[in-house]
Amino acid sequence: MAHTDEELREASARSGIPFDYIMRLKAAGEPTPDDPRADNALVKQFTVIFDHYVARSLTGTDPIGALRQFGLTETADALEAALLKG
């Protein structure tokens, strides 16, 4: 069932999930010239979700700890090593 932008905006307001994030998920599920049947929609949506959580992690007060909390331990280790070198 397709939802209008206004319905998604209202859902965003009710849930606290950013509207832009919802729209990125919606767009990831739609057909594109390189994927006309949207066979890769789930992969694209997971990429949007991954990007969202990495961004949330990196903008918090403890980005390395947040990455570890989300299970991104290798990324946390690499970031920590890079910051220690710098």
Protein backbone atom coordinates (compact mmCIF):
# COMPACT_ATOMS: atom_id res chain seq x y z
CA MET A 1 0.00 0.00 0.00
CA ALA A 2 1.50 3.30 -1.12
CA HIS A 3 1.32 6.28 1.20
CA THR A 4 1.18 9.92 0.23
CA ASP A 5 3.90 12.29 1.34
CA GLU A 6 1.40 13.96 3.66
CA GLU A 7 0.57 10.63 5.33
CA LEU A 8 4.27 9.95 5.77
CA ARG A 9 4.80 13.44 7.18
CA GLU A 10 2.05 12.81 9.74
CA ALA A 11 3.55 9.40 10.60
CA SER A 12 6.92 11.10 11.04
CA ALA A 13 5.43 13.65 13.42
CA ARG A 14 3.66 10.94 15.46
CA SER A 15 6.63 8.60 15.65
CA GLY A 16 9.49 11.06 15.94
CA ILE A 17 11.24 9.41 12.99
CA PRO A 18 12.70 12.11 10.73
CA PHE A 19 10.65 12.69 7.57
CA ASP A 20 13.78 12.73 5.40
CA TYR A 21 14.71 9.28 6.70
CA ILE A 22 11.25 7.92 5.87
CA MET A 23 11.46 9.44 2.40
CA ARG A 24 14.89 7.86 1.83
CA LEU A 25 13.45 4.48 2.80
CA LYS A 26 10.50 5.03 0.46
CA ALA A 27 12.79 6.00 -2.43
CA ALA A 28 15.02 2.99 -1.81
CA GLY A 29 12.03 0.73 -2.35
CA GLU A 30 11.04 2.19 -5.69
CA PRO A 31 12.13 0.98 -9.12
CA THR A 32 15.06 2.75 -10.80
CA PRO A 33 16.46 2.55 -14.34
CA ASP A 34 19.18 0.16 -13.17
CA ASP A 35 16.69 -1.90 -11.10
CA PRO A 36 13.33 -1.62 -12.91
CA ARG A 37 11.62 -4.35 -10.84
CA ALA A 38 13.05 -3.06 -7.54
CA ASP A 39 14.65 -6.45 -6.88
CA ASN A 40 17.32 -4.75 -4.78
CA ALA A 41 14.89 -2.67 -2.73
CA LEU A 42 15.62 -4.47 0.52
CA VAL A 43 19.38 -4.05 0.09
CA LYS A 44 18.90 -0.35 -0.65
CA GLN A 45 16.65 0.07 2.39
CA PHE A 46 19.17 -1.68 4.64
CA THR A 47 21.82 0.70 3.31
CA VAL A 48 19.63 3.66 4.30
CA ILE A 49 19.12 2.16 7.77
CA PHE A 50 22.85 1.47 8.16
CA ASP A 51 23.72 5.01 7.08
CA HIS A 52 21.17 6.44 9.53
CA TYR A 53 22.56 4.54 12.51
CA VAL A 54 26.18 5.26 11.65
CA ALA A 55 25.35 8.96 11.38
CA ARG A 56 23.52 8.86 14.72
CA SER A 57 26.51 7.13 16.27
CA LEU A 58 29.04 9.61 14.96
CA THR A 59 27.11 12.69 16.07
CA GLY A 60 26.65 11.60 19.68
CA THR A 61 28.84 12.41 22.67
CA ASP A 62 30.64 9.04 22.49
CA PRO A 63 30.78 8.03 18.82
CA ILE A 64 33.13 5.10 19.39
CA GLY A 65 30.99 3.69 22.20
CA ALA A 66 27.84 4.17 20.12
CA LEU A 67 29.36 2.32 17.18
CA ARG A 68 30.22 -0.54 19.50
CA GLN A 69 26.70 -0.49 20.95
CA PHE A 70 25.26 -0.93 17.44
CA GLY A 71 27.64 -3.85 16.88
CA LEU A 72 29.98 -1.99 14.55
CA THR A 73 33.04 -3.01 16.51
CA GLU A 74 35.51 -3.05 13.61
CA THR A 75 34.45 0.45 12.58
CA ALA A 76 34.78 1.58 16.21
CA ASP A 77 38.27 0.08 16.44
CA ALA A 78 39.33 1.73 13.17
CA LEU A 79 37.98 5.13 14.23
CA GLU A 80 39.62 4.85 17.63
CA ALA A 81 42.97 3.93 16.04
CA ALA A 82 42.69 6.82 13.58
CA LEU A 83 41.92 9.29 16.36
CA LEU A 84 44.83 8.04 18.46
CA LYS A 85 47.22 8.57 15.52
CA GLY A 86 45.92 12.08 14.87
